[in-house]
Amino acid sequence: MTLKGKWTKANFEIHCRENPEIYVLFVKYALIATLCRKYYSAKSIFHRIRWQTMVEEKESQFKIDDGWISHYARKFMQDYPEHEGFFSVRQRANSYHDDEAEIAERSKVS
């Protein structure tokens, strides 16, 4: 089985390259949250980014889609392994977070 659509891992990598400021803000606010929380919500981090860009930056046309939240949470925990488990993430049999090769390999075993 292959997963097609906007939220694939490959599309996230493109999105992240084209919008590096999102990850910079995500890391900034996530690291602040790690100082006072053992676990936290990646969606809350997104809401904080929205506040920063929509309210405090008056002329901002910045938009960020919820579909990327789990990708950013996983990237953060991969890049900052000392915070593994800070965000709760689900593991699914077939996931947009996997490479197509990983999905194909699993489907051979099933």
Protein backbone atom coordinates (compact mmCIF):
# COMPACT_ATOMS: atom_id res chain seq x y z
CA MET A 1 0.00 0.00 0.00
CA THR A 2 1.26 3.47 -0.84
CA LEU A 3 0.03 6.62 0.79
CA LYS A 4 -0.52 9.56 -1.46
CA GLY A 5 -1.52 13.04 -0.48
CA LYS A 6 -0.37 16.33 0.89
CA TRP A 7 0.90 15.06 4.25
CA THR A 8 3.55 12.59 3.07
CA LYS A 9 7.05 12.53 4.53
CA ALA A 10 8.47 13.62 1.18
CA ASN A 11 6.08 16.59 1.02
CA PHE A 12 6.95 17.52 4.59
CA GLU A 13 10.63 17.66 3.70
CA ILE A 14 9.80 19.99 0.81
CA HIS A 15 7.51 22.08 3.02
CA CYS A 16 10.17 22.33 5.72
CA ARG A 17 12.84 23.40 3.22
CA GLU A 18 10.52 26.05 1.75
CA ASN A 19 9.38 27.33 5.17
CA PRO A 20 12.35 27.08 7.54
CA GLU A 21 11.01 29.82 9.82
CA ILE A 22 8.22 27.50 11.00
CA TYR A 23 10.66 24.94 12.40
CA VAL A 24 12.81 27.67 13.95
CA LEU A 25 9.76 28.92 15.88
CA PHE A 26 8.59 25.39 16.67
CA VAL A 27 11.99 24.57 18.22
CA LYS A 28 12.11 27.88 20.10
CA TYR A 29 8.73 27.35 21.78
CA ALA A 30 9.17 23.62 22.29
CA LEU A 31 12.49 24.17 24.10
CA ILE A 32 10.85 26.78 26.33
CA ALA A 33 8.09 24.27 27.13
CA THR A 34 10.66 21.58 28.03
CA LEU A 35 11.91 23.81 30.84
CA CYS A 36 8.67 23.51 32.77
CA ARG A 37 6.83 20.47 31.39
CA LYS A 38 7.66 16.78 31.07
CA TYR A 39 5.17 16.36 28.20
CA TYR A 40 3.45 18.91 26.01
CA SER A 41 1.17 19.34 23.02
CA ALA A 42 2.68 20.00 19.61
CA LYS A 43 -0.65 21.53 18.64
CA SER A 44 -0.22 24.07 21.43
CA ILE A 45 3.17 24.96 19.97
CA PHE A 46 1.45 25.57 16.62
CA HIS A 47 -1.10 27.82 18.32
CA ARG A 48 1.74 29.78 19.92
CA ILE A 49 3.38 30.18 16.50
CA ARG A 50 0.06 31.40 15.10
CA TRP A 51 -0.25 33.93 17.93
CA GLN A 52 3.25 35.19 17.26
CA THR A 53 2.73 35.55 13.55
CA MET A 54 -0.90 36.67 13.42
CA VAL A 55 -1.26 38.89 16.49
CA GLU A 56 2.19 40.22 17.31
CA GLU A 57 3.30 40.63 13.69
CA LYS A 58 0.42 42.80 12.53
CA GLU A 59 1.04 42.60 8.78
CA SER A 60 1.85 38.89 8.64
CA GLN A 61 0.21 36.74 5.96
CA PHE A 62 1.65 33.64 7.64
CA LYS A 63 -0.47 30.47 7.53
CA ILE A 64 0.36 27.06 8.94
CA ASP A 65 -1.68 23.92 8.40
CA ASP A 66 -2.49 21.47 11.24
CA GLY A 67 -1.64 18.56 8.96
CA TRP A 68 2.05 19.20 9.57
CA ILE A 69 1.86 19.10 13.39
CA SER A 70 2.85 15.45 13.85
CA HIS A 71 5.69 15.86 11.35
CA TYR A 72 7.12 18.79 13.31
CA ALA A 73 6.76 16.91 16.61
CA ARG A 74 8.64 13.91 15.21
CA LYS A 75 11.34 16.09 13.64
CA PHE A 76 11.87 17.93 16.92
CA MET A 77 12.27 14.70 18.90
CA GLN A 78 14.61 13.31 16.25
CA ASP A 79 16.73 16.47 16.24
CA TYR A 80 16.65 16.75 20.05
CA PRO A 81 16.80 13.13 21.26
CA GLU A 82 17.09 14.29 24.87
CA HIS A 83 13.41 15.25 24.49
CA GLU A 84 12.24 11.94 23.02
CA GLY A 85 8.67 11.37 24.22
CA PHE A 86 8.02 15.05 24.94
CA PHE A 87 5.25 14.97 22.35
CA SER A 88 2.84 12.06 22.17
CA VAL A 89 2.84 10.50 18.70
CA ARG A 90 0.91 7.54 17.35
CA GLN A 91 2.45 4.69 15.43
CA ARG A 92 0.27 3.31 12.66
CA ALA A 93 0.75 0.32 10.39
CA ASN A 94 0.86 2.66 7.39
CA SER A 95 1.68 6.25 8.04
CA TYR A 96 2.44 9.42 6.13
CA HIS A 97 5.49 9.66 8.38
CA ASP A 98 7.09 6.66 6.71
CA ASP A 99 9.02 6.54 3.48
CA GLU A 100 7.22 4.76 0.65
CA ALA A 101 9.96 2.08 0.74
CA GLU A 102 9.19 1.39 4.43
CA ILE A 103 5.49 1.03 3.68
CA ALA A 104 6.15 -1.29 0.73
CA GLU A 105 8.48 -3.46 2.84
CA ARG A 106 5.88 -3.84 5.61
CA SER A 107 3.18 -4.78 3.12
CA LYS A 108 5.36 -7.66 1.84
CA VAL A 109 5.56 -9.08 5.37
CA SER A 110 1.79 -8.84 6.01
